[in-house]
Protein backbone atom coordinates (compact mmCIF):
# COMPACT_ATOMS: atom_id res chain seq x y z
CA MET A 1 -101.36 -36.20 12.26
CA ASN A 2 -98.72 -33.52 11.90
CA THR A 3 -95.99 -36.04 12.73
CA ALA A 4 -97.24 -38.42 10.05
CA THR A 5 -97.48 -35.64 7.49
CA SER A 6 -93.96 -34.44 8.33
CA ALA A 7 -92.55 -37.97 7.99
CA HIS A 8 -94.37 -38.41 4.68
CA SER A 9 -92.93 -35.10 3.38
CA ARG A 10 -89.43 -36.09 4.43
CA GLY A 11 -89.86 -39.42 2.72
CA ARG A 12 -90.99 -37.78 -0.52
CA LEU A 13 -88.05 -35.36 -0.34
CA ALA A 14 -85.61 -38.24 0.24
CA ASP A 15 -87.09 -40.12 -2.74
CA PHE A 16 -86.84 -37.03 -4.93
CA LEU A 17 -83.20 -36.41 -4.01
CA TYR A 18 -82.37 -40.10 -4.51
CA ARG A 19 -83.84 -40.02 -8.03
CA ASN A 20 -82.16 -36.67 -8.82
CA SER A 21 -78.65 -37.12 -7.42
CA GLY A 22 -77.38 -34.13 -9.37
CA ILE A 23 -79.63 -31.76 -7.38
CA LEU A 24 -78.39 -33.31 -4.11
CA THR A 25 -74.78 -32.87 -5.22
CA LEU A 26 -75.46 -29.26 -6.16
CA ALA A 27 -77.13 -28.59 -2.81
CA LEU A 28 -74.11 -30.00 -0.96
CA LEU A 29 -71.58 -28.11 -3.07
CA LEU A 30 -73.44 -24.78 -3.23
CA PRO A 31 -72.25 -23.35 0.14
CA PRO A 32 -68.50 -23.97 -0.48
CA LEU A 33 -68.85 -22.86 -4.11
CA LEU A 34 -70.47 -19.61 -2.99
CA TRP A 35 -67.68 -19.12 -0.46
CA ILE A 36 -64.98 -19.70 -3.09
CA GLY A 37 -66.76 -17.55 -5.68
CA ILE A 38 -67.44 -14.59 -3.41
CA VAL A 39 -64.54 -14.55 -0.96
CA TYR A 40 -61.68 -16.12 -2.93
CA LEU A 41 -62.38 -15.25 -6.55
CA GLY A 42 -63.97 -11.97 -5.53
CA SER A 43 -60.84 -10.89 -3.69
CA LEU A 44 -58.65 -11.92 -6.65
CA PHE A 45 -60.84 -9.89 -8.99
CA ALA A 46 -60.62 -6.87 -6.66
CA LEU A 47 -56.84 -7.29 -6.56
CA LEU A 48 -56.61 -7.43 -10.36
CA LEU A 49 -58.85 -4.37 -10.64
CA GLN A 50 -56.66 -2.40 -8.21
CA SER A 51 -53.61 -3.11 -10.34
CA PHE A 52 -55.15 -1.16 -13.22
CA TYR A 53 -55.51 1.97 -11.08
CA SER A 54 -52.71 4.44 -10.41
CA LEU A 55 -51.36 6.54 -7.58
CA ASP A 56 -51.36 10.32 -7.78
CA GLU A 57 -47.79 11.31 -6.92
CA PHE A 58 -48.80 14.76 -5.68
CA SER A 59 -51.72 13.88 -3.38
CA GLY A 60 -50.85 10.24 -2.69
CA LEU A 61 -54.44 9.24 -3.47
CA ILE A 62 -55.52 6.36 -5.70
CA VAL A 63 -56.87 7.47 -9.07
CA HIS A 64 -59.74 5.11 -9.95
CA GLU A 65 -59.26 5.27 -13.70
CA PHE A 66 -58.29 2.37 -15.95
CA THR A 67 -54.61 2.64 -16.92
CA PHE A 68 -51.54 0.50 -17.69
CA SER A 69 -49.16 3.00 -16.07
CA THR A 70 -48.84 0.84 -12.93
CA TYR A 71 -47.69 -2.14 -14.99
CA ARG A 72 -45.20 0.11 -16.79
CA ARG A 73 -43.79 0.95 -13.34
CA LEU A 74 -43.69 -2.77 -12.55
CA PHE A 75 -41.32 -3.40 -15.47
CA THR A 76 -38.67 -0.91 -14.42
CA PRO A 77 -35.17 -2.40 -13.93
CA THR A 78 -35.43 -2.17 -10.13
CA ASN A 79 -38.72 -4.01 -9.94
CA LEU A 80 -37.66 -6.60 -12.51
CA THR A 81 -34.60 -7.29 -10.34
CA ILE A 82 -36.90 -7.96 -7.38
CA ILE A 83 -39.00 -10.38 -9.43
CA LEU A 84 -35.91 -12.17 -10.80
CA ARG A 85 -34.37 -12.40 -7.31
CA THR A 86 -37.53 -14.00 -5.94
CA VAL A 87 -37.93 -16.48 -8.80
CA VAL A 88 -34.27 -17.55 -8.59
CA MET A 89 -34.54 -18.06 -4.83
CA ALA A 90 -37.77 -20.06 -5.24
CA ALA A 91 -36.20 -22.23 -7.93
CA ALA A 92 -33.03 -22.84 -5.88
CA VAL A 93 -35.05 -23.76 -2.77
CA THR A 94 -37.20 -26.14 -4.83
CA ILE A 95 -34.23 -27.92 -6.45
CA VAL A 96 -32.30 -28.38 -3.21
CA SER A 97 -35.43 -29.45 -1.32
CA ALA A 98 -36.01 -32.16 -3.96
CA ILE A 99 -32.39 -33.36 -3.67
CA VAL A 100 -32.56 -33.52 0.13
CA ALA A 101 -36.08 -34.97 0.25
CA PHE A 102 -35.63 -37.82 -2.25
CA PRO A 103 -33.34 -40.14 -0.23
CA ILE A 104 -35.43 -39.53 2.91
CA ALA A 105 -38.64 -40.32 1.03
CA TYR A 106 -37.09 -43.33 -0.70
CA TYR A 107 -35.97 -44.86 2.57
CA ALA A 108 -39.43 -44.32 4.10
CA ALA A 109 -41.18 -45.81 1.08
CA ARG A 110 -38.91 -48.84 0.58
CA TYR A 111 -37.44 -49.82 3.93
CA ALA A 112 -39.33 -48.20 6.83
CA ARG A 113 -41.97 -50.50 8.31
CA GLY A 114 -44.24 -50.43 11.35
CA GLY A 115 -42.93 -48.22 14.12
CA TRP A 116 -40.12 -46.85 11.96
CA LYS A 117 -42.61 -45.55 9.41
CA ALA A 118 -44.66 -43.95 12.19
CA LEU A 119 -41.46 -42.36 13.47
CA PHE A 120 -40.75 -41.08 9.96
CA TYR A 121 -44.12 -39.34 9.71
CA LEU A 122 -43.72 -37.94 13.19
CA ALA A 123 -40.24 -36.57 12.43
CA VAL A 124 -41.34 -35.00 9.14
CA MET A 125 -44.56 -33.47 10.43
CA MET A 126 -43.45 -32.39 13.90
CA PRO A 127 -41.80 -29.17 12.66
CA LEU A 128 -45.16 -28.23 11.10
CA TRP A 129 -46.78 -28.29 14.53
CA SER A 130 -44.58 -25.55 15.97
CA SER A 131 -44.96 -21.82 15.39
CA TYR A 132 -43.69 -20.52 12.07
CA LEU A 133 -42.27 -17.36 13.67
CA VAL A 134 -40.58 -19.30 16.48
CA LYS A 135 -38.76 -21.47 13.92
CA VAL A 136 -37.62 -18.48 11.88
CA TYR A 137 -36.36 -16.56 14.90
CA ALA A 138 -34.64 -19.70 16.17
CA TRP A 139 -32.81 -19.99 12.85
CA LYS A 140 -31.82 -16.32 13.05
CA LEU A 141 -30.07 -17.08 16.37
CA ILE A 142 -28.48 -20.26 14.96
CA LEU A 143 -27.14 -18.39 11.91
CA ALA A 144 -25.98 -15.29 13.82
CA LYS A 145 -22.30 -14.44 14.11
CA GLU A 146 -22.42 -15.59 17.75
CA GLY A 147 -24.59 -18.60 16.88
CA ILE A 148 -23.94 -22.32 17.10
CA ILE A 149 -22.84 -22.73 13.47
CA THR A 150 -20.04 -20.20 13.91
CA TRP A 151 -19.09 -21.82 17.23
CA ILE A 152 -18.91 -25.30 15.68
CA ALA A 153 -16.88 -23.99 12.73
CA ASP A 154 -14.38 -22.38 15.13
CA LYS A 155 -14.09 -25.53 17.27
CA LEU A 156 -13.41 -27.63 14.16
CA HIS A 157 -10.96 -25.01 12.86
CA LEU A 158 -13.20 -24.48 9.82
CA GLY A 159 -13.84 -20.80 10.36
CA TRP A 160 -11.96 -20.06 7.15
CA VAL A 161 -14.57 -22.09 5.19
CA LEU A 162 -17.40 -20.05 6.70
CA ASP A 163 -15.51 -16.82 6.06
CA GLY A 164 -14.99 -17.88 2.45
CA LEU A 165 -18.72 -18.52 1.99
CA LEU A 166 -19.59 -15.15 3.50
CA ALA A 167 -17.03 -13.44 1.26
CA LEU A 168 -18.76 -14.69 -1.89
CA PRO A 169 -20.27 -11.87 -3.94
CA VAL A 170 -24.06 -11.41 -3.96
CA ILE A 171 -24.92 -14.38 -1.70
CA GLY A 172 -22.45 -13.53 1.10
CA GLY A 173 -22.72 -11.05 3.93
CA SER A 174 -21.48 -10.08 7.39
CA SER A 175 -22.92 -13.31 8.86
CA LEU A 176 -25.15 -16.17 7.78
CA SER A 177 -28.18 -14.42 9.29
CA PHE A 178 -27.51 -11.38 7.08
CA SER A 179 -26.96 -13.13 3.74
CA TYR A 180 -28.81 -14.88 0.98
CA ILE A 181 -27.22 -18.12 2.19
CA GLY A 182 -29.07 -17.79 5.51
CA THR A 183 -32.35 -16.89 3.80
CA PHE A 184 -31.94 -19.92 1.53
CA LEU A 185 -31.22 -22.31 4.43
CA VAL A 186 -34.28 -21.17 6.37
CA PHE A 187 -36.51 -21.48 3.31
CA VAL A 188 -35.30 -25.06 2.70
CA TYR A 189 -35.84 -26.03 6.35
CA ILE A 190 -39.33 -24.52 6.56
CA TRP A 191 -40.68 -25.99 3.29
CA LEU A 192 -38.82 -29.33 3.20
CA PRO A 193 -41.71 -31.39 4.68
CA TYR A 194 -43.93 -30.23 1.81
CA MET A 195 -41.48 -31.86 -0.60
CA ILE A 196 -40.85 -35.05 1.38
CA LEU A 197 -44.47 -36.15 1.79
CA PRO A 198 -45.60 -36.02 -1.89
CA THR A 199 -42.34 -37.63 -3.00
CA GLN A 200 -42.76 -40.42 -0.48
CA ALA A 201 -46.38 -40.94 -1.60
CA ALA A 202 -45.25 -41.24 -5.24
CA LEU A 203 -42.48 -43.70 -4.34
CA GLU A 204 -44.98 -45.82 -2.41
CA ARG A 205 -46.83 -46.33 -5.72
CA VAL A 206 -43.74 -47.70 -7.50
CA ALA A 207 -44.39 -51.44 -7.59
CA LYS A 208 -41.55 -53.58 -6.30
CA ASN A 209 -42.10 -55.85 -9.30
CA PHE A 210 -40.91 -53.07 -11.63
CA ILE A 211 -37.60 -52.83 -9.81
CA GLU A 212 -37.17 -56.60 -9.76
CA ALA A 213 -38.02 -56.84 -13.46
CA SER A 214 -35.45 -54.16 -14.25
CA ALA A 215 -32.78 -56.12 -12.37
CA ASP A 216 -33.80 -59.38 -14.08
CA LEU A 217 -33.37 -57.70 -17.47
CA GLY A 218 -29.79 -56.83 -16.56
CA ALA A 219 -30.15 -53.18 -15.62
CA THR A 220 -27.61 -51.73 -13.19
CA PRO A 221 -28.88 -49.92 -10.07
CA ARG A 222 -28.12 -46.62 -11.78
CA GLN A 223 -30.10 -47.62 -14.88
CA THR A 224 -33.00 -48.82 -12.73
CA PHE A 225 -33.05 -45.49 -10.92
CA SER A 226 -32.90 -43.39 -14.09
CA THR A 227 -35.38 -45.43 -16.18
CA VAL A 228 -37.81 -46.83 -13.58
CA ILE A 229 -37.72 -45.21 -10.13
CA PHE A 230 -37.10 -41.56 -10.99
CA PRO A 231 -39.65 -41.28 -13.86
CA LEU A 232 -42.36 -42.85 -11.69
CA ALA A 233 -41.44 -40.63 -8.72
CA LEU A 234 -41.25 -37.45 -10.83
CA PRO A 235 -44.97 -36.56 -10.46
CA GLY A 236 -44.53 -36.60 -6.69
CA ILE A 237 -41.45 -34.38 -6.91
CA ILE A 238 -43.31 -31.93 -9.13
CA ALA A 239 -46.25 -32.01 -6.72
CA GLY A 240 -43.90 -31.13 -3.87
CA SER A 241 -42.30 -28.40 -5.98
CA ILE A 242 -45.70 -26.73 -6.32
CA PHE A 243 -45.65 -26.16 -2.56
CA THR A 244 -41.98 -25.22 -2.16
CA PHE A 245 -41.92 -22.93 -5.19
CA SER A 246 -45.20 -21.12 -4.51
CA LEU A 247 -44.61 -20.73 -0.77
CA THR A 248 -41.13 -19.30 -1.35
CA LEU A 249 -42.45 -17.05 -4.09
CA GLY A 250 -44.98 -15.37 -1.80
CA ASP A 251 -43.26 -15.45 1.59
CA TYR A 252 -42.49 -12.07 3.14
CA ILE A 253 -41.60 -13.01 6.75
CA ILE A 254 -38.38 -14.98 6.28
CA PRO A 255 -36.68 -12.34 4.05
CA GLN A 256 -37.53 -9.67 6.63
CA ILE A 257 -36.08 -11.60 9.58
CA VAL A 258 -33.20 -13.51 7.95
CA GLY A 259 -31.34 -11.89 5.09
CA ASN A 260 -29.63 -8.76 3.87
CA SER A 261 -32.81 -6.64 3.56
CA ARG A 262 -32.82 -6.79 -0.24
CA PRO A 263 -36.50 -6.99 -1.19
CA PHE A 264 -38.40 -9.97 -2.51
CA ILE A 265 -41.89 -9.86 -4.03
CA GLY A 266 -43.53 -10.57 -0.68
CA THR A 267 -41.61 -7.92 1.26
CA THR A 268 -42.16 -5.41 -1.54
CA VAL A 269 -45.94 -5.96 -1.47
CA TYR A 270 -45.90 -5.68 2.33
CA ALA A 271 -44.02 -2.37 2.16
CA LEU A 272 -46.08 -0.91 -0.70
CA GLN A 273 -49.46 -1.59 0.86
CA GLY A 274 -48.21 -0.58 4.33
CA THR A 275 -45.79 2.30 4.75
CA ALA A 276 -45.80 3.45 1.10
CA GLY A 277 -49.56 3.22 0.63
CA ASP A 278 -49.14 2.38 -3.06
CA ILE A 279 -51.95 -0.16 -3.36
CA PRO A 280 -52.00 -0.28 -7.21
CA LEU A 281 -48.31 -1.17 -7.49
CA ALA A 282 -48.65 -3.67 -4.62
CA ALA A 283 -51.55 -5.29 -6.49
CA ALA A 284 -49.53 -5.40 -9.70
CA PHE A 285 -46.64 -7.09 -7.87
CA THR A 286 -49.11 -9.62 -6.43
CA VAL A 287 -50.36 -10.52 -9.90
CA VAL A 288 -46.84 -11.64 -10.90
CA PRO A 289 -46.67 -14.79 -8.69
CA VAL A 290 -50.28 -15.58 -9.58
CA ILE A 291 -49.36 -15.66 -13.28
CA ILE A 292 -46.13 -17.58 -12.64
CA MET A 293 -47.93 -20.20 -10.56
CA GLY A 294 -50.73 -20.44 -13.11
CA ILE A 295 -48.23 -21.39 -15.79
CA TYR A 296 -46.41 -23.70 -13.36
CA LEU A 297 -49.62 -25.52 -12.43
CA ILE A 298 -50.53 -26.06 -16.09
CA VAL A 299 -47.12 -27.67 -16.74
CA ALA A 300 -47.33 -29.69 -13.50
CA ARG A 301 -50.78 -30.98 -14.41
CA ARG A 302 -49.59 -32.17 -17.81
CA MET A 303 -46.78 -34.07 -16.07
CA GLY A 304 -49.24 -35.86 -13.77
CA ALA A 305 -48.28 -34.06 -10.57
CA PHE A 306 -51.86 -33.81 -9.34
CA ASN A 307 -52.09 -37.60 -9.25
CA ALA A 308 -49.42 -37.63 -6.55
CA LEU A 309 -51.14 -35.16 -4.23
């Protein structure tokens, strides 16, 4: 009797959910929505709230009173230099990653077939399977003064080229591992797969008929690229730039291990919330990339980048 009643109840519940699909959808989405609302958005709200507090310079304690003094400290020349340095690095990494990724993605989308395409995906994704820290430390050894790049340059009698690069103001240094050049190279290597895959996906959607029609109408290969291929691939490039730009903007490990110790936003936040104990200023610094990426995502969405993800 109980078994029959239970089966009847389950049947009625199934019928009710079938007739009211919106309730079923809400029931399925409620757990992840609660998780996002409480853990993710809650932490962002707490972060924003902390940025409106201040630090008592005498006691070193946080003053829990609403104030804009922390944001005034954020816009000092020193802190603005840190923000500008980070944004310029993120933009440079994004641009070069797009330039390097495009021919690789184009070959995979247009010419790679069967086993070659599988090899392409394996080659692109394999670096993502290894430890982030191992890759960064490996690059630090490669870029060191005693590393393989210096050795190859000496063997090819191109040491003067490397010395000339290191002598450049601002981006140079005592070696590649202690310069902006080294930091830039590691950033490009680490985030390049995130640019290749969306670009390749966008190029896969470019119908071969469009390219053939362009050629039939008398367009040169350059004109076909500029008027057909590149505009259709642009959403994928922008989608990839979301990853490369945002990940560079917030990274704090690479600039600590490879570089000349000049702070970026990530390393500044790490130092402020750690050794300095200035949580309000660290929170204010963290708000900066959130705002930048918010604006960036709005622009990317209008350009159709989300369709290529």
